[in-house]
Amino acid sequence: MEKIKLHDKWFKVMIPASRIDAAVNHVAQQLDERYKGRTPIFLGVLNGSFLFLSDLVRKISFDSQVAFVKISSYVGVESSGEVKQQLGIDFDIEGRDIIIVEDIVETGHSMNYLLDYLKQHNPASISICTLFFKPEKFLYDYKIDYTALSIGNEFIVGYGLDYNQLGRNLKDIYVVDE
């Protein structure tokens, strides 16, 4: 099994690229059913969602717009619990359908922060679409509308997710090899 080293940790493949691609296809089909004939705004949460969002919008069949927001709550391999917005929305979303695209939803603190922020701008609807969901760590009662893959509490890297800014470029998902 292929292993890689990022900074001080070794990682091994957990989810191959082919399984990720199949999961992204499935989410795209679900979005096609809901948004055909509409023009939603995909709101990618940087930095981690950029690969997922890129692949996702190439697989859908409806018109859409793409924008990004940057929020963070991570330091190393742990969530700090404190959400900081570094790049916000600089256009009008009132009356628009918003699809938040996230790389991973764990505790839900970042998403809760973003939902509160977006609701102040009166969008027509807000949907949450995530590549990975950790249901065991999730602390809120709002719905995750579209989940590509549910996982346990593993710390993962690859396909946009990083360990201290390394590993985003990996096509597979890797887990810490302890």
N, C-alpha and C. Protein backbone atom coordinates (compact mmCIF):
# COMPACT_ATOMS: atom_id res chain seq x y z
N MET A 1 0.85 -1.19 0.00
CA MET A 1 0.00 0.00 0.00
C MET A 1 0.89 1.24 0.00
N GLU A 2 0.53 2.19 -0.85
CA GLU A 2 1.31 3.42 -0.97
C GLU A 2 1.18 4.26 0.30
N LYS A 3 2.33 4.72 0.80
CA LYS A 3 2.34 5.62 1.95
C LYS A 3 3.07 6.89 1.55
N ILE A 4 2.64 8.00 2.16
CA ILE A 4 3.29 9.28 1.90
C ILE A 4 3.56 9.95 3.24
N LYS A 5 4.53 10.85 3.24
CA LYS A 5 4.83 11.61 4.44
C LYS A 5 4.56 13.08 4.17
N LEU A 6 3.76 13.69 5.05
CA LEU A 6 3.50 15.13 5.01
C LEU A 6 3.93 15.69 6.35
N HIS A 7 4.85 16.61 6.32
CA HIS A 7 5.44 17.17 7.53
C HIS A 7 5.94 16.02 8.40
N ASP A 8 5.36 15.84 9.58
CA ASP A 8 5.85 14.84 10.55
C ASP A 8 5.01 13.58 10.61
N LYS A 9 4.03 13.41 9.69
CA LYS A 9 3.10 12.27 9.77
C LYS A 9 3.12 11.44 8.48
N TRP A 10 2.93 10.15 8.66
CA TRP A 10 2.77 9.23 7.54
C TRP A 10 1.29 8.99 7.29
N PHE A 11 0.92 8.87 6.02
CA PHE A 11 -0.47 8.66 5.61
C PHE A 11 -0.54 7.48 4.64
N LYS A 12 -1.68 6.77 4.66
CA LYS A 12 -1.93 5.67 3.72
C LYS A 12 -3.26 5.91 3.03
N VAL A 13 -3.46 5.32 1.86
CA VAL A 13 -4.70 5.49 1.09
C VAL A 13 -5.87 4.92 1.87
N MET A 14 -6.94 5.71 1.97
CA MET A 14 -8.18 5.28 2.61
C MET A 14 -9.30 5.14 1.59
N ILE A 15 -9.40 6.12 0.67
CA ILE A 15 -10.45 6.12 -0.35
C ILE A 15 -9.80 6.42 -1.70
N PRO A 16 -9.87 5.47 -2.64
CA PRO A 16 -9.25 5.71 -3.95
C PRO A 16 -10.04 6.73 -4.78
N ALA A 17 -9.35 7.34 -5.73
CA ALA A 17 -9.93 8.37 -6.58
C ALA A 17 -11.18 7.88 -7.31
N SER A 18 -11.22 6.61 -7.70
CA SER A 18 -12.38 6.08 -8.43
C SER A 18 -13.64 6.11 -7.56
N ARG A 19 -13.49 5.84 -6.28
CA ARG A 19 -14.65 5.88 -5.38
C ARG A 19 -15.12 7.32 -5.15
N ILE A 20 -14.18 8.24 -5.08
CA ILE A 20 -14.52 9.66 -4.94
C ILE A 20 -15.30 10.13 -6.17
N ASP A 21 -14.80 9.77 -7.34
CA ASP A 21 -15.45 10.17 -8.59
C ASP A 21 -16.89 9.64 -8.66
N ALA A 22 -17.09 8.40 -8.27
CA ALA A 22 -18.44 7.81 -8.27
C ALA A 22 -19.36 8.57 -7.31
N ALA A 23 -18.83 8.94 -6.14
CA ALA A 23 -19.62 9.68 -5.15
C ALA A 23 -19.98 11.08 -5.67
N VAL A 24 -19.04 11.74 -6.34
CA VAL A 24 -19.30 13.07 -6.91
C VAL A 24 -20.36 12.95 -8.02
N ASN A 25 -20.28 11.91 -8.83
CA ASN A 25 -21.30 11.68 -9.86
C ASN A 25 -22.69 11.54 -9.24
N HIS A 26 -22.78 10.80 -8.16
CA HIS A 26 -24.06 10.58 -7.48
C HIS A 26 -24.65 11.91 -6.97
N VAL A 27 -23.80 12.74 -6.36
CA VAL A 27 -24.26 14.04 -5.87
C VAL A 27 -24.71 14.92 -7.04
N ALA A 28 -23.96 14.91 -8.13
CA ALA A 28 -24.32 15.71 -9.31
C ALA A 28 -25.69 15.30 -9.84
N GLN A 29 -25.98 14.00 -9.85
CA GLN A 29 -27.30 13.53 -10.30
C GLN A 29 -28.41 14.04 -9.38
N GLN A 30 -28.17 14.03 -8.07
CA GLN A 30 -29.16 14.54 -7.12
C GLN A 30 -29.40 16.03 -7.35
N LEU A 31 -28.34 16.79 -7.56
CA LEU A 31 -28.46 18.22 -7.80
C LEU A 31 -29.21 18.48 -9.11
N ASP A 32 -28.92 17.69 -10.14
CA ASP A 32 -29.63 17.83 -11.42
C ASP A 32 -31.14 17.70 -11.24
N GLU A 33 -31.56 16.75 -10.41
CA GLU A 33 -32.99 16.55 -10.17
C GLU A 33 -33.62 17.77 -9.52
N ARG A 34 -32.92 18.38 -8.58
CA ARG A 34 -33.50 19.51 -7.83
C ARG A 34 -33.39 20.84 -8.56
N TYR A 35 -32.29 21.08 -9.26
CA TYR A 35 -32.02 22.43 -9.77
C TYR A 35 -32.16 22.58 -11.28
N LYS A 36 -32.58 21.56 -11.99
CA LYS A 36 -32.76 21.67 -13.44
C LYS A 36 -33.74 22.82 -13.73
N GLY A 37 -33.37 23.71 -14.64
CA GLY A 37 -34.22 24.85 -14.99
C GLY A 37 -34.01 26.06 -14.09
N ARG A 38 -33.15 25.94 -13.09
CA ARG A 38 -32.83 27.06 -12.19
C ARG A 38 -31.36 27.41 -12.36
N THR A 39 -30.95 28.52 -11.80
CA THR A 39 -29.55 28.95 -11.89
C THR A 39 -29.03 29.30 -10.48
N PRO A 40 -28.68 28.27 -9.72
CA PRO A 40 -28.19 28.51 -8.36
C PRO A 40 -26.75 29.04 -8.35
N ILE A 41 -26.36 29.52 -7.20
CA ILE A 41 -24.98 29.94 -6.97
C ILE A 41 -24.31 28.85 -6.13
N PHE A 42 -23.26 28.24 -6.66
CA PHE A 42 -22.43 27.34 -5.88
C PHE A 42 -21.47 28.21 -5.08
N LEU A 43 -21.51 28.08 -3.78
CA LEU A 43 -20.64 28.86 -2.91
C LEU A 43 -19.61 27.91 -2.30
N GLY A 44 -18.44 27.90 -2.88
CA GLY A 44 -17.38 27.02 -2.41
C GLY A 44 -16.68 27.60 -1.20
N VAL A 45 -16.46 26.76 -0.20
CA VAL A 45 -15.75 27.18 1.00
C VAL A 45 -14.27 26.84 0.81
N LEU A 46 -13.46 27.88 0.71
CA LEU A 46 -12.02 27.71 0.50
C LEU A 46 -11.31 27.37 1.80
N ASN A 47 -10.20 26.66 1.74
CA ASN A 47 -9.54 26.26 0.52
C ASN A 47 -9.95 24.86 0.07
N GLY A 48 -10.44 24.07 0.98
CA GLY A 48 -10.61 22.65 0.76
C GLY A 48 -11.58 22.23 -0.31
N SER A 49 -12.60 23.02 -0.62
CA SER A 49 -13.66 22.57 -1.54
C SER A 49 -13.32 22.75 -3.01
N PHE A 50 -12.19 23.34 -3.34
CA PHE A 50 -11.97 23.75 -4.73
C PHE A 50 -11.95 22.58 -5.71
N LEU A 51 -11.36 21.45 -5.37
CA LEU A 51 -11.35 20.31 -6.29
C LEU A 51 -12.73 19.67 -6.40
N PHE A 52 -13.40 19.47 -5.27
CA PHE A 52 -14.74 18.90 -5.27
C PHE A 52 -15.69 19.79 -6.09
N LEU A 53 -15.66 21.09 -5.84
CA LEU A 53 -16.53 22.01 -6.56
C LEU A 53 -16.23 22.00 -8.06
N SER A 54 -14.97 21.98 -8.42
CA SER A 54 -14.58 21.95 -9.83
C SER A 54 -15.13 20.71 -10.52
N ASP A 55 -14.94 19.55 -9.90
CA ASP A 55 -15.45 18.32 -10.50
C ASP A 55 -16.98 18.31 -10.52
N LEU A 56 -17.59 18.79 -9.46
CA LEU A 56 -19.05 18.78 -9.35
C LEU A 56 -19.72 19.62 -10.43
N VAL A 57 -19.25 20.85 -10.63
CA VAL A 57 -19.91 21.72 -11.61
C VAL A 57 -19.71 21.23 -13.04
N ARG A 58 -18.68 20.44 -13.28
CA ARG A 58 -18.47 19.87 -14.61
C ARG A 58 -19.39 18.67 -14.86
N LYS A 59 -19.99 18.14 -13.80
CA LYS A 59 -20.85 16.97 -13.93
C LYS A 59 -22.34 17.30 -13.92
N ILE A 60 -22.70 18.53 -13.58
CA ILE A 60 -24.12 18.91 -13.55
C ILE A 60 -24.56 19.35 -14.95
N SER A 61 -25.89 19.39 -15.18
CA SER A 61 -26.38 19.75 -16.51
C SER A 61 -27.15 21.07 -16.53
N PHE A 62 -27.22 21.78 -15.40
CA PHE A 62 -27.96 23.05 -15.34
C PHE A 62 -26.99 24.22 -15.26
N ASP A 63 -27.50 25.41 -15.59
CA ASP A 63 -26.68 26.62 -15.49
C ASP A 63 -26.47 26.96 -14.02
N SER A 64 -25.32 27.54 -13.74
CA SER A 64 -25.03 27.93 -12.36
C SER A 64 -23.97 29.02 -12.37
N GLN A 65 -23.83 29.64 -11.21
CA GLN A 65 -22.74 30.58 -10.98
C GLN A 65 -21.88 30.00 -9.87
N VAL A 66 -20.64 30.44 -9.81
CA VAL A 66 -19.70 29.95 -8.80
C VAL A 66 -19.07 31.13 -8.09
N ALA A 67 -19.03 31.04 -6.78
CA ALA A 67 -18.37 32.05 -5.96
C ALA A 67 -17.69 31.32 -4.80
N PHE A 68 -16.86 32.05 -4.08
CA PHE A 68 -16.12 31.44 -2.98
C PHE A 68 -16.18 32.30 -1.73
N VAL A 69 -16.09 31.64 -0.60
CA VAL A 69 -15.96 32.30 0.69
C VAL A 69 -14.84 31.57 1.41
N LYS A 70 -14.12 32.28 2.26
CA LYS A 70 -13.04 31.64 3.01
C LYS A 70 -13.31 31.82 4.49
N ILE A 71 -13.50 30.69 5.16
CA ILE A 71 -13.63 30.67 6.61
C ILE A 71 -12.73 29.54 7.11
N SER A 72 -12.30 29.61 8.35
CA SER A 72 -11.46 28.53 8.86
C SER A 72 -11.61 28.38 10.36
N SER A 73 -11.39 27.14 10.80
CA SER A 73 -11.41 26.86 12.23
C SER A 73 -10.35 25.84 12.59
N TYR A 74 -9.44 25.54 11.64
CA TYR A 74 -8.45 24.48 11.86
C TYR A 74 -7.07 25.03 12.14
N VAL A 75 -6.37 24.35 13.05
CA VAL A 75 -4.96 24.58 13.32
C VAL A 75 -4.34 23.19 13.39
N GLY A 76 -3.51 22.84 12.42
CA GLY A 76 -2.92 21.50 12.38
C GLY A 76 -3.98 20.46 12.09
N VAL A 77 -4.10 19.44 12.98
CA VAL A 77 -5.07 18.37 12.76
C VAL A 77 -6.31 18.53 13.63
N GLU A 78 -6.41 19.63 14.37
CA GLU A 78 -7.52 19.84 15.30
C GLU A 78 -8.29 21.10 14.95
N SER A 79 -9.59 21.04 15.16
CA SER A 79 -10.42 22.22 15.00
C SER A 79 -10.26 23.09 16.24
N SER A 80 -10.06 24.39 16.03
CA SER A 80 -9.91 25.30 17.16
C SER A 80 -11.26 25.62 17.80
N GLY A 81 -12.34 25.36 17.05
CA GLY A 81 -13.68 25.69 17.54
C GLY A 81 -14.05 27.14 17.29
N GLU A 82 -13.09 27.96 16.94
CA GLU A 82 -13.34 29.38 16.66
C GLU A 82 -13.32 29.59 15.15
N VAL A 83 -14.42 30.10 14.60
CA VAL A 83 -14.53 30.28 13.16
C VAL A 83 -14.15 31.71 12.80
N LYS A 84 -13.32 31.85 11.79
CA LYS A 84 -12.90 33.16 11.31
C LYS A 84 -13.22 33.27 9.84
N GLN A 85 -13.85 34.38 9.45
CA GLN A 85 -14.13 34.64 8.04
C GLN A 85 -13.02 35.51 7.49
N GLN A 86 -12.41 35.03 6.41
CA GLN A 86 -11.29 35.76 5.82
C GLN A 86 -11.64 36.37 4.47
N LEU A 87 -12.63 35.80 3.80
CA LEU A 87 -13.05 36.30 2.49
C LEU A 87 -14.55 36.11 2.41
N GLY A 88 -15.27 37.19 2.20
CA GLY A 88 -16.72 37.12 2.24
C GLY A 88 -17.37 37.24 0.88
N ILE A 89 -18.68 37.31 0.87
CA ILE A 89 -19.46 37.43 -0.35
C ILE A 89 -19.59 38.90 -0.69
N ASP A 90 -19.22 39.25 -1.92
CA ASP A 90 -19.24 40.66 -2.32
C ASP A 90 -20.26 40.92 -3.43
N PHE A 91 -21.37 40.15 -3.43
CA PHE A 91 -22.42 40.34 -4.43
C PHE A 91 -23.76 40.02 -3.77
N ASP A 92 -24.83 40.40 -4.44
CA ASP A 92 -26.18 40.25 -3.88
C ASP A 92 -26.69 38.82 -4.06
N ILE A 93 -27.10 38.18 -2.96
CA ILE A 93 -27.65 36.83 -3.03
C ILE A 93 -29.14 36.80 -2.69
N GLU A 94 -29.73 37.97 -2.48
CA GLU A 94 -31.15 38.02 -2.12
C GLU A 94 -32.00 37.35 -3.22
N GLY A 95 -32.87 36.45 -2.79
CA GLY A 95 -33.76 35.76 -3.70
C GLY A 95 -33.12 34.67 -4.55
N ARG A 96 -31.86 34.35 -4.29
CA ARG A 96 -31.13 33.36 -5.08
C ARG A 96 -31.04 32.03 -4.34
N ASP A 97 -30.95 30.94 -5.09
CA ASP A 97 -30.69 29.63 -4.52
C ASP A 97 -29.19 29.50 -4.30
N ILE A 98 -28.81 29.13 -3.10
CA ILE A 98 -27.39 28.99 -2.75
C ILE A 98 -27.12 27.52 -2.43
N ILE A 99 -26.06 26.99 -3.01
CA ILE A 99 -25.59 25.65 -2.67
C ILE A 99 -24.20 25.82 -2.08
N ILE A 100 -24.10 25.66 -0.77
CA ILE A 100 -22.80 25.74 -0.11
C ILE A 100 -22.06 24.43 -0.40
N VAL A 101 -20.83 24.54 -0.89
CA VAL A 101 -20.03 23.35 -1.19
C VAL A 101 -18.83 23.35 -0.25
N GLU A 102 -18.77 22.32 0.56
CA GLU A 102 -17.74 22.18 1.60
C GLU A 102 -16.97 20.89 1.38
N ASP A 103 -15.70 20.89 1.75
CA ASP A 103 -14.92 19.66 1.63
C ASP A 103 -15.32 18.65 2.71
N ILE A 104 -15.51 19.14 3.93
CA ILE A 104 -15.83 18.24 5.03
C ILE A 104 -16.64 18.97 6.09
N VAL A 105 -17.68 18.33 6.59
CA VAL A 105 -18.44 18.86 7.72
C VAL A 105 -18.21 17.91 8.89
N GLU A 106 -17.64 18.48 9.95
CA GLU A 106 -17.36 17.69 11.15
C GLU A 106 -18.29 18.15 12.28
N THR A 107 -17.82 19.04 13.13
CA THR A 107 -18.64 19.53 14.24
C THR A 107 -19.81 20.36 13.74
N GLY A 108 -19.61 21.06 12.63
CA GLY A 108 -20.64 21.93 12.07
C GLY A 108 -20.48 23.38 12.46
N HIS A 109 -19.47 23.71 13.26
CA HIS A 109 -19.28 25.10 13.70
C HIS A 109 -19.12 26.05 12.51
N SER A 110 -18.26 25.71 11.56
CA SER A 110 -18.04 26.58 10.40
C SER A 110 -19.30 26.75 9.58
N MET A 111 -20.00 25.63 9.34
CA MET A 111 -21.23 25.69 8.55
C MET A 111 -22.30 26.50 9.27
N ASN A 112 -22.42 26.33 10.57
CA ASN A 112 -23.39 27.09 11.35
C ASN A 112 -23.12 28.60 11.22
N TYR A 113 -21.86 28.96 11.32
CA TYR A 113 -21.45 30.36 11.15
C TYR A 113 -21.85 30.86 9.77
N LEU A 114 -21.57 30.07 8.73
CA LEU A 114 -21.86 30.49 7.36
C LEU A 114 -23.36 30.57 7.11
N LEU A 115 -24.13 29.62 7.64
CA LEU A 115 -25.59 29.66 7.49
C LEU A 115 -26.17 30.93 8.11
N ASP A 116 -25.73 31.27 9.32
CA ASP A 116 -26.20 32.49 9.97
C ASP A 116 -25.87 33.72 9.13
N TYR A 117 -24.67 33.75 8.59
CA TYR A 117 -24.23 34.88 7.76
C TYR A 117 -25.09 34.99 6.50
N LEU A 118 -25.31 33.87 5.81
CA LEU A 118 -26.06 33.89 4.55
C LEU A 118 -27.53 34.25 4.76
N LYS A 119 -28.13 33.75 5.82
CA LYS A 119 -29.55 34.01 6.08
C LYS A 119 -29.83 35.50 6.24
N GLN A 120 -28.85 36.27 6.69
CA GLN A 120 -29.00 37.72 6.84
C GLN A 120 -29.18 38.41 5.49
N HIS A 121 -28.83 37.73 4.40
CA HIS A 121 -28.90 38.31 3.06
C HIS A 121 -30.09 37.79 2.24
N ASN A 122 -31.03 37.11 2.91
CA ASN A 122 -32.31 36.70 2.33
C ASN A 122 -32.24 35.91 1.02
N PRO A 123 -31.47 34.82 0.98
CA PRO A 123 -31.51 33.99 -0.23
C PRO A 123 -32.84 33.25 -0.32
N ALA A 124 -33.20 32.79 -1.51
CA ALA A 124 -34.44 32.01 -1.70
C ALA A 124 -34.32 30.67 -0.99
N SER A 125 -33.14 30.05 -1.10
CA SER A 125 -32.90 28.77 -0.43
C SER A 125 -31.41 28.59 -0.19
N ILE A 126 -31.10 27.75 0.78
CA ILE A 126 -29.72 27.39 1.06
C ILE A 126 -29.66 25.87 1.21
N SER A 127 -28.81 25.25 0.41
CA SER A 127 -28.55 23.81 0.52
C SER A 127 -27.09 23.61 0.90
N ILE A 128 -26.83 22.54 1.62
CA ILE A 128 -25.46 22.21 2.01
C ILE A 128 -25.04 20.94 1.28
N CYS A 129 -23.91 21.03 0.61
CA CYS A 129 -23.36 19.92 -0.15
C CYS A 129 -21.92 19.70 0.33
N THR A 130 -21.64 18.51 0.82
CA THR A 130 -20.29 18.24 1.32
C THR A 130 -19.72 16.97 0.73
N LEU A 131 -18.42 16.99 0.51
CA LEU A 131 -17.73 15.80 0.03
C LEU A 131 -17.70 14.74 1.14
N PHE A 132 -17.33 15.16 2.34
CA PHE A 132 -17.26 14.25 3.48
C PHE A 132 -18.07 14.78 4.65
N PHE A 133 -18.71 13.86 5.35
CA PHE A 133 -19.49 14.20 6.54
C PHE A 133 -19.10 13.24 7.65
N LYS A 134 -18.85 13.81 8.83
CA LYS A 134 -18.53 13.01 10.02
C LYS A 134 -19.71 13.09 10.99
N PRO A 135 -20.72 12.22 10.80
CA PRO A 135 -21.94 12.31 11.62
C PRO A 135 -21.70 12.15 13.12
N GLU A 136 -20.67 11.40 13.50
CA GLU A 136 -20.40 11.19 14.93
C GLU A 136 -19.91 12.46 15.63
N LYS A 137 -19.34 13.39 14.88
CA LYS A 137 -18.82 14.62 15.47
C LYS A 137 -19.77 15.81 15.34
N PHE A 138 -20.82 15.65 14.52
CA PHE A 138 -21.72 16.75 14.19
C PHE A 138 -22.53 17.19 15.41
N LEU A 139 -22.54 18.50 15.70
CA LEU A 139 -23.15 19.02 16.93
C LEU A 139 -24.45 19.80 16.71
N TYR A 140 -24.92 19.93 15.49
CA TYR A 140 -26.08 20.78 15.20
C TYR A 140 -27.24 19.95 14.66
N ASP A 141 -28.41 20.60 14.52
CA ASP A 141 -29.58 19.87 14.03
C ASP A 141 -30.00 20.30 12.62
N TYR A 142 -29.23 21.17 11.95
CA TYR A 142 -29.58 21.49 10.58
C TYR A 142 -29.20 20.31 9.67
N LYS A 143 -29.85 20.27 8.51
CA LYS A 143 -29.70 19.15 7.59
C LYS A 143 -28.53 19.36 6.63
N ILE A 144 -27.78 18.30 6.41
CA ILE A 144 -26.78 18.29 5.35
C ILE A 144 -27.51 17.68 4.15
N ASP A 145 -27.78 18.50 3.15
CA ASP A 145 -28.64 18.09 2.04
C ASP A 145 -28.02 17.06 1.10
N TYR A 146 -26.73 17.23 0.82
CA TYR A 146 -26.05 16.35 -0.13
C TYR A 146 -24.70 15.95 0.45
N THR A 147 -24.53 14.66 0.68
CA THR A 147 -23.27 14.13 1.22
C THR A 147 -22.72 13.12 0.24
N ALA A 148 -21.50 13.35 -0.23
CA ALA A 148 -20.87 12.38 -1.13
C ALA A 148 -20.47 11.13 -0.35
N LEU A 149 -19.76 11.30 0.77
CA LEU A 149 -19.29 10.17 1.56
C LEU A 149 -19.33 10.50 3.05
N SER A 150 -19.84 9.57 3.85
CA SER A 150 -19.77 9.70 5.31
C SER A 150 -18.58 8.89 5.79
N ILE A 151 -17.86 9.44 6.76
CA ILE A 151 -16.69 8.75 7.30
C ILE A 151 -16.73 8.83 8.82
N GLY A 152 -15.81 8.13 9.46
CA GLY A 152 -15.68 8.18 10.92
C GLY A 152 -14.90 9.41 11.34
N ASN A 153 -14.19 9.29 12.44
CA ASN A 153 -13.47 10.45 12.99
C ASN A 153 -12.01 10.53 12.53
N GLU A 154 -11.67 9.86 11.44
CA GLU A 154 -10.31 9.88 10.94
C GLU A 154 -9.91 11.28 10.48
N PHE A 155 -8.62 11.57 10.60
CA PHE A 155 -8.08 12.79 10.01
C PHE A 155 -7.61 12.42 8.62
N ILE A 156 -8.16 13.08 7.60
CA ILE A 156 -7.86 12.74 6.22
C ILE A 156 -7.26 13.91 5.45
N VAL A 157 -6.52 13.55 4.39
CA VAL A 157 -5.93 14.55 3.48
C VAL A 157 -6.11 14.05 2.06
N GLY A 158 -6.00 14.98 1.12
CA GLY A 158 -6.10 14.66 -0.29
C GLY A 158 -7.37 15.25 -0.88
N TYR A 159 -7.40 15.33 -2.21
CA TYR A 159 -8.55 15.83 -2.94
C TYR A 159 -9.07 17.15 -2.35
N GLY A 160 -8.14 18.05 -2.07
CA GLY A 160 -8.49 19.38 -1.56
C GLY A 160 -8.25 19.55 -0.07
N LEU A 161 -8.27 18.46 0.70
CA LEU A 161 -8.07 18.54 2.15
C LEU A 161 -6.57 18.49 2.45
N ASP A 162 -6.16 19.22 3.48
CA ASP A 162 -4.73 19.34 3.74
C ASP A 162 -4.35 19.02 5.18
N TYR A 163 -3.07 18.85 5.36
CA TYR A 163 -2.45 18.80 6.68
C TYR A 163 -1.42 19.93 6.70
N ASN A 164 -1.74 21.00 7.40
CA ASN A 164 -0.88 22.19 7.43
C ASN A 164 -0.45 22.61 6.03
N GLN A 165 -1.42 22.72 5.13
CA GLN A 165 -1.29 23.20 3.75
C GLN A 165 -0.63 22.22 2.78
N LEU A 166 -0.34 21.00 3.19
CA LEU A 166 0.20 19.99 2.27
C LEU A 166 -0.83 18.89 2.03
N GLY A 167 -0.81 18.31 0.84
CA GLY A 167 -1.64 17.16 0.53
C GLY A 167 -2.89 17.46 -0.27
N ARG A 168 -3.21 18.71 -0.49
CA ARG A 168 -4.44 19.05 -1.23
C ARG A 168 -4.45 18.46 -2.64
N ASN A 169 -3.30 18.33 -3.24
CA ASN A 169 -3.17 17.90 -4.62
C ASN A 169 -3.33 16.40 -4.83
N LEU A 170 -3.41 15.62 -3.78
CA LEU A 170 -3.48 14.16 -3.91
C LEU A 170 -4.83 13.74 -4.48
N LYS A 171 -4.83 12.80 -5.43
CA LYS A 171 -6.08 12.38 -6.07
C LYS A 171 -6.88 11.42 -5.21
N ASP A 172 -6.23 10.70 -4.32
CA ASP A 172 -6.89 9.78 -3.39
C ASP A 172 -7.03 10.46 -2.04
N ILE A 173 -7.83 9.86 -1.16
CA ILE A 173 -7.92 10.33 0.22
C ILE A 173 -7.02 9.45 1.07
N TYR A 174 -6.21 10.10 1.88
CA TYR A 174 -5.27 9.42 2.75
C TYR A 174 -5.66 9.64 4.21
N VAL A 175 -5.34 8.67 5.04
CA VAL A 175 -5.59 8.74 6.47
C VAL A 175 -4.26 8.57 7.19
N VAL A 176 -4.15 9.14 8.39
CA VAL A 176 -2.93 9.01 9.19
C VAL A 176 -2.66 7.53 9.42
N ASP A 177 -1.44 7.11 9.19
CA ASP A 177 -1.01 5.72 9.39
C ASP A 177 -0.21 5.66 10.68
N GLU A 178 -0.88 5.26 11.76
CA GLU A 178 -0.21 5.28 13.06
C GLU A 178 0.32 3.94 13.45
